[in-house]
C-alpha atoms as a PDB file:
ATOM      1  CA  MET A   1     101.158 105.759 100.662  1.00  0.00           C
ATOM      2  CA  ALA A   2     100.797 101.988 101.120  1.00  0.00           C
ATOM      3  CA  GLU A   3     102.035 102.312 104.690  1.00  0.00           C
ATOM      4  CA  ALA A   4      99.631 105.237 105.240  1.00  0.00           C
ATOM      5  CA  MET A   5      96.595 103.078 104.507  1.00  0.00           C
ATOM      6  CA  PRO A   6      94.998 101.952 107.761  1.00  0.00           C
ATOM      7  CA  PRO A   7      95.399  98.146 107.969  1.00  0.00           C
ATOM      8  CA  ASP A   8      91.967  97.742 109.554  1.00  0.00           C
ATOM      9  CA  LEU A   9      90.390  99.547 106.594  1.00  0.00           C
ATOM     10  CA  LEU A  10      92.213  97.345 104.089  1.00  0.00           C
ATOM     11  CA  ALA A  11      91.132  94.186 105.935  1.00  0.00           C
ATOM     12  CA  ARG A  12      87.492  95.278 106.025  1.00  0.00           C
ATOM     13  CA  LEU A  13      87.515  96.180 102.325  1.00  0.00           C
ATOM     14  CA  ALA A  14      89.088  92.802 101.497  1.00  0.00           C
ATOM     15  CA  ALA A  15      86.202  91.175 103.386  1.00  0.00           C
ATOM     16  CA  GLY A  16      83.752  92.995 101.107  1.00  0.00           C
ATOM     17  CA  GLU A  17      82.566  95.575 103.633  1.00  0.00           C
ATOM     18  CA  THR A  18      81.501  99.141 102.944  1.00  0.00           C
ATOM     19  CA  VAL A  19      83.199 101.127 105.676  1.00  0.00           C
ATOM     20  CA  PRO A  20      81.821 104.444 106.987  1.00  0.00           C
ATOM     21  CA  ALA A  21      84.578 107.054 107.230  1.00  0.00           C
ATOM     22  CA  ASP A  22      83.736 107.554 110.916  1.00  0.00           C
ATOM     23  CA  ASP A  23      84.996 103.998 111.528  1.00  0.00           C
ATOM     24  CA  VAL A  24      88.444 104.739 110.087  1.00  0.00           C
ATOM     25  CA  GLU A  25      91.383 106.518 111.705  1.00  0.00           C
ATOM     26  CA  LEU A  26      92.382 108.887 108.925  1.00  0.00           C
ATOM     27  CA  SER A  27      95.800 110.501 108.779  1.00  0.00           C
ATOM     28  CA  ALA A  28      97.353 113.216 106.653  1.00  0.00           C
ATOM     29  CA  GLY A  29      99.281 110.543 104.741  1.00  0.00           C
ATOM     30  CA  GLY A  30      97.080 110.396 101.687  1.00  0.00           C
ATOM     31  CA  PHE A  31      93.707 111.165 103.203  1.00  0.00           C
ATOM     32  CA  ASP A  32      94.043 114.829 104.144  1.00  0.00           C
ATOM     33  CA  ALA A  33      92.029 116.978 101.765  1.00  0.00           C
ATOM     34  CA  THR A  34      91.287 119.853 104.114  1.00  0.00           C
ATOM     35  CA  ALA A  35      92.490 122.507 101.646  1.00  0.00           C
ATOM     36  CA  ILE A  36      89.369 121.933  99.541  1.00  0.00           C
ATOM     37  CA  GLY A  37      87.157 120.959 102.477  1.00  0.00           C
ATOM     38  CA  LEU A  38      86.698 117.356 101.378  1.00  0.00           C
ATOM     39  CA  THR A  39      85.020 115.090 103.925  1.00  0.00           C
ATOM     40  CA  TRP A  40      85.194 111.325 103.491  1.00  0.00           C
ATOM     41  CA  ASP A  41      81.890 109.456 103.781  1.00  0.00           C
ATOM     42  CA  ARG A  42      82.344 105.762 102.829  1.00  0.00           C
ATOM     43  CA  PHE A  43      84.925 103.380 101.460  1.00  0.00           C
ATOM     44  CA  ALA A  44      84.327 100.152  99.544  1.00  0.00           C
ATOM     45  CA  ALA A  45      86.464  98.126  97.132  1.00  0.00           C
ATOM     46  CA  ASP A  46      84.509  99.449  94.126  1.00  0.00           C
ATOM     47  CA  ARG A  47      83.232 102.775  95.451  1.00  0.00           C
ATOM     48  CA  VAL A  48      84.553 105.716  97.450  1.00  0.00           C
ATOM     49  CA  GLU A  49      82.239 108.525  98.560  1.00  0.00           C
ATOM     50  CA  ALA A  50      83.019 112.003  99.872  1.00  0.00           C
ATOM     51  CA  HIS A  51      81.434 115.438  99.979  1.00  0.00           C
ATOM     52  CA  VAL A  52      82.302 119.140 100.069  1.00  0.00           C
ATOM     53  CA  ASP A  53      80.241 122.004 101.458  1.00  0.00           C
ATOM     54  CA  CYS A  54      80.925 124.668  98.835  1.00  0.00           C
ATOM     55  CA  GLY A  55      80.988 128.384  99.520  1.00  0.00           C
ATOM     56  CA  PRO A  56      83.000 131.576  98.964  1.00  0.00           C
ATOM     57  CA  PRO A  57      86.440 129.967  99.546  1.00  0.00           C
ATOM     58  CA  HIS A  58      85.758 127.809  96.460  1.00  0.00           C
ATOM     59  CA  HIS A  59      84.593 130.651  94.190  1.00  0.00           C
ATOM     60  CA  GLN A  60      86.178 132.209  91.149  1.00  0.00           C
ATOM     61  CA  PRO A  61      85.598 135.981  90.582  1.00  0.00           C
ATOM     62  CA  TYR A  62      82.010 135.495  89.307  1.00  0.00           C
ATOM     63  CA  GLY A  63      80.873 133.773  92.487  1.00  0.00           C
ATOM     64  CA  LEU A  64      80.767 130.256  91.034  1.00  0.00           C
ATOM     65  CA  VAL A  65      82.747 127.244  92.242  1.00  0.00           C
ATOM     66  CA  HIS A  66      86.108 127.293  90.445  1.00  0.00           C
ATOM     67  CA  GLY A  67      86.737 124.462  87.978  1.00  0.00           C
ATOM     68  CA  GLY A  68      89.985 123.663  89.771  1.00  0.00           C
ATOM     69  CA  VAL A  69      87.946 122.651  92.810  1.00  0.00           C
ATOM     70  CA  TRP A  70      86.095 120.070  90.700  1.00  0.00           C
ATOM     71  CA  CYS A  71      89.432 118.791  89.323  1.00  0.00           C
ATOM     72  CA  SER A  72      90.860 118.532  92.840  1.00  0.00           C
ATOM     73  CA  ILE A  73      87.843 116.611  94.105  1.00  0.00           C
ATOM     74  CA  VAL A  74      87.978 114.224  91.139  1.00  0.00           C
ATOM     75  CA  GLU A  75      91.730 113.664  91.530  1.00  0.00           C
ATOM     76  CA  THR A  76      91.597 113.137  95.284  1.00  0.00           C
ATOM     77  CA  VAL A  77      88.625 110.773  95.424  1.00  0.00           C
ATOM     78  CA  ALA A  78      89.834 108.691  92.457  1.00  0.00           C
ATOM     79  CA  SER A  79      93.400 108.536  93.795  1.00  0.00           C
ATOM     80  CA  ILE A  80      92.304 107.262  97.195  1.00  0.00           C
ATOM     81  CA  ALA A  81      89.967 104.729  95.571  1.00  0.00           C
ATOM     82  CA  GLY A  82      92.792 103.467  93.367  1.00  0.00           C
ATOM     83  CA  ALA A  83      95.306 103.422  96.202  1.00  0.00           C
ATOM     84  CA  LEU A  84      92.969 101.331  98.334  1.00  0.00           C
ATOM     85  CA  ARG A  85      92.710  98.780  95.506  1.00  0.00           C
ATOM     86  CA  VAL A  86      96.475  98.121  95.349  1.00  0.00           C
ATOM     87  CA  ALA A  87      97.750  98.854  98.883  1.00  0.00           C
ATOM     88  CA  SER A  88      97.371  95.248 100.025  1.00  0.00           C
ATOM     89  CA  ARG A  89      99.852  94.145  97.359  1.00  0.00           C
ATOM     90  CA  GLY A  90     102.447  96.740  98.400  1.00  0.00           C
ATOM     91  CA  GLN A  91     101.775  99.118  95.546  1.00  0.00           C
ATOM     92  CA  LEU A  92     101.028 102.810  95.273  1.00  0.00           C
ATOM     93  CA  THR A  93      99.225 104.755  92.585  1.00  0.00           C
ATOM     94  CA  VAL A  94     100.323 107.891  90.800  1.00  0.00           C
ATOM     95  CA  GLY A  95      98.173 109.977  88.498  1.00  0.00           C
ATOM     96  CA  VAL A  96      98.726 109.763  84.763  1.00  0.00           C
ATOM     97  CA  SER A  97      95.809 111.919  83.600  1.00  0.00           C
ATOM     98  CA  ASN A  98      92.789 113.775  84.920  1.00  0.00           C
ATOM     99  CA  THR A  99      89.991 114.820  82.583  1.00  0.00           C
ATOM    100  CA  THR A 100      87.208 116.743  84.277  1.00  0.00           C
ATOM    101  CA  ASP A 101      84.137 118.210  82.596  1.00  0.00           C
ATOM    102  CA  PHE A 102      82.212 121.066  84.212  1.00  0.00           C
ATOM    103  CA  LEU A 103      78.535 120.463  83.476  1.00  0.00           C
ATOM    104  CA  ARG A 104      76.569 122.926  85.619  1.00  0.00           C
ATOM    105  CA  SER A 105      77.439 125.970  87.664  1.00  0.00           C
ATOM    106  CA  HIS A 106      77.224 125.773  91.439  1.00  0.00           C
ATOM    107  CA  ARG A 107      77.567 128.450  94.108  1.00  0.00           C
ATOM    108  CA  GLU A 108      76.714 127.233  97.582  1.00  0.00           C
ATOM    109  CA  GLY A 109      75.904 124.005  99.354  1.00  0.00           C
ATOM    110  CA  ARG A 110      76.921 120.395  99.550  1.00  0.00           C
ATOM    111  CA  VAL A 111      78.126 118.364  96.600  1.00  0.00           C
ATOM    112  CA  ASP A 112      78.656 114.610  96.753  1.00  0.00           C
ATOM    113  CA  ALA A 113      81.490 112.853  94.925  1.00  0.00           C
ATOM    114  CA  VAL A 114      81.404 109.157  94.065  1.00  0.00           C
ATOM    115  CA  ALA A 115      84.326 107.273  92.492  1.00  0.00           C
ATOM    116  CA  THR A 116      83.767 103.953  90.718  1.00  0.00           C
ATOM    117  CA  PRO A 117      86.223 101.919  88.646  1.00  0.00           C
ATOM    118  CA  LEU A 118      86.005 101.650  84.878  1.00  0.00           C
ATOM    119  CA  HIS A 119      89.114  99.453  84.700  1.00  0.00           C
ATOM    120  CA  VAL A 120      91.421  97.995  87.326  1.00  0.00           C
ATOM    121  CA  GLY A 121      94.394  96.254  85.789  1.00  0.00           C
ATOM    122  CA  ARG A 122      97.800  95.040  86.797  1.00  0.00           C
ATOM    123  CA  LEU A 123      99.569  98.204  85.615  1.00  0.00           C
ATOM    124  CA  GLN A 124      96.890 100.882  85.414  1.00  0.00           C
ATOM    125  CA  GLN A 125      93.473 101.833  86.698  1.00  0.00           C
ATOM    126  CA  LEU A 126      90.778 104.130  85.309  1.00  0.00           C
ATOM    127  CA  TRP A 127      88.272 105.630  87.740  1.00  0.00           C
ATOM    128  CA  GLN A 128      85.277 107.839  87.059  1.00  0.00           C
ATOM    129  CA  VAL A 129      84.019 110.383  89.550  1.00  0.00           C
ATOM    130  CA  GLU A 130      80.601 111.995  89.497  1.00  0.00           C
ATOM    131  CA  ILE A 131      79.966 115.159  91.505  1.00  0.00           C
ATOM    132  CA  THR A 132      76.310 115.901  92.189  1.00  0.00           C
ATOM    133  CA  ARG A 133      74.463 118.615  94.068  1.00  0.00           C
ATOM    134  CA  ALA A 134      72.932 117.239  97.237  1.00  0.00           C
ATOM    135  CA  SER A 135      69.986 119.630  96.961  1.00  0.00           C
ATOM    136  CA  ASP A 136      68.641 118.303  93.641  1.00  0.00           C
ATOM    137  CA  GLY A 137      70.872 115.374  92.637  1.00  0.00           C
ATOM    138  CA  LYS A 138      71.971 117.097  89.423  1.00  0.00           C
ATOM    139  CA  LEU A 139      75.405 116.339  88.040  1.00  0.00           C
ATOM    140  CA  VAL A 140      77.690 119.396  88.225  1.00  0.00           C
ATOM    141  CA  ALA A 141      80.975 117.767  87.138  1.00  0.00           C
ATOM    142  CA  HIS A 142      82.223 114.423  85.896  1.00  0.00           C
ATOM    143  CA  GLY A 143      85.796 113.262  85.604  1.00  0.00           C
ATOM    144  CA  GLN A 144      88.092 110.364  84.872  1.00  0.00           C
ATOM    145  CA  VAL A 145      91.499 109.729  86.391  1.00  0.00           C
ATOM    146  CA  ARG A 146      93.992 107.229  85.012  1.00  0.00           C
ATOM    147  CA  LEU A 147      96.381 105.888  87.645  1.00  0.00           C
ATOM    148  CA  GLN A 148      99.610 103.956  87.279  1.00  0.00           C
ATOM    149  CA  ASN A 149     100.190 101.152  89.805  1.00  0.00           C
ATOM    150  CA  ILE A 150     103.795 101.158  91.003  1.00  0.00           C
ATOM    151  CA  ASP A 151     105.948  99.515  93.657  1.00  0.00           C
ATOM    152  CA  ALA A 152     106.493 101.665  96.711  1.00  0.00           C
ATOM    153  CA  THR A 153     110.242 101.450  96.019  1.00  0.00           C
ATOM    154  CA  GLN A 154     109.774 103.394  92.770  1.00  0.00           C
ATOM    155  CA  ILE A 155     108.920 106.637  94.618  1.00  0.00           C
ATOM    156  CA  GLY A 156     111.741 109.080  95.094  1.00  0.00           C
ATOM    157  CA  GLY A 157     114.908 110.231  93.393  1.00  0.00           C
END
């Protein structure tokens, strides 16, 4: 995924900028989250923001957003945040654990996801992600993802 990270994005993040997603040429190589309807909003070295407009495709049989959707959002936003932190040094990240708590039910409408680092080390990173309802700002899910930093050459057989 290091080669999939847009070089202009990495340079702007290294300069301390917060970059609106509209300013970045996103590709399927690590950024494509269309299956869950994730839309990227902003990227910064210590914060990545995205949102999802939830509806029937995200529901479990009782008409509530499925917990797996929350896990997918947490995993995706944290993974991209972590990958952006190590891409400039030729590393990738792979998930080690994802712990997501479902705090409130949600049926329809936009939710915002924000990833921030709890720890960024040489070998591992720990990111937290908060998912809030846009309509009232209430937290609907919260998760943590631990990532392992690895050399790009370690991927594969």
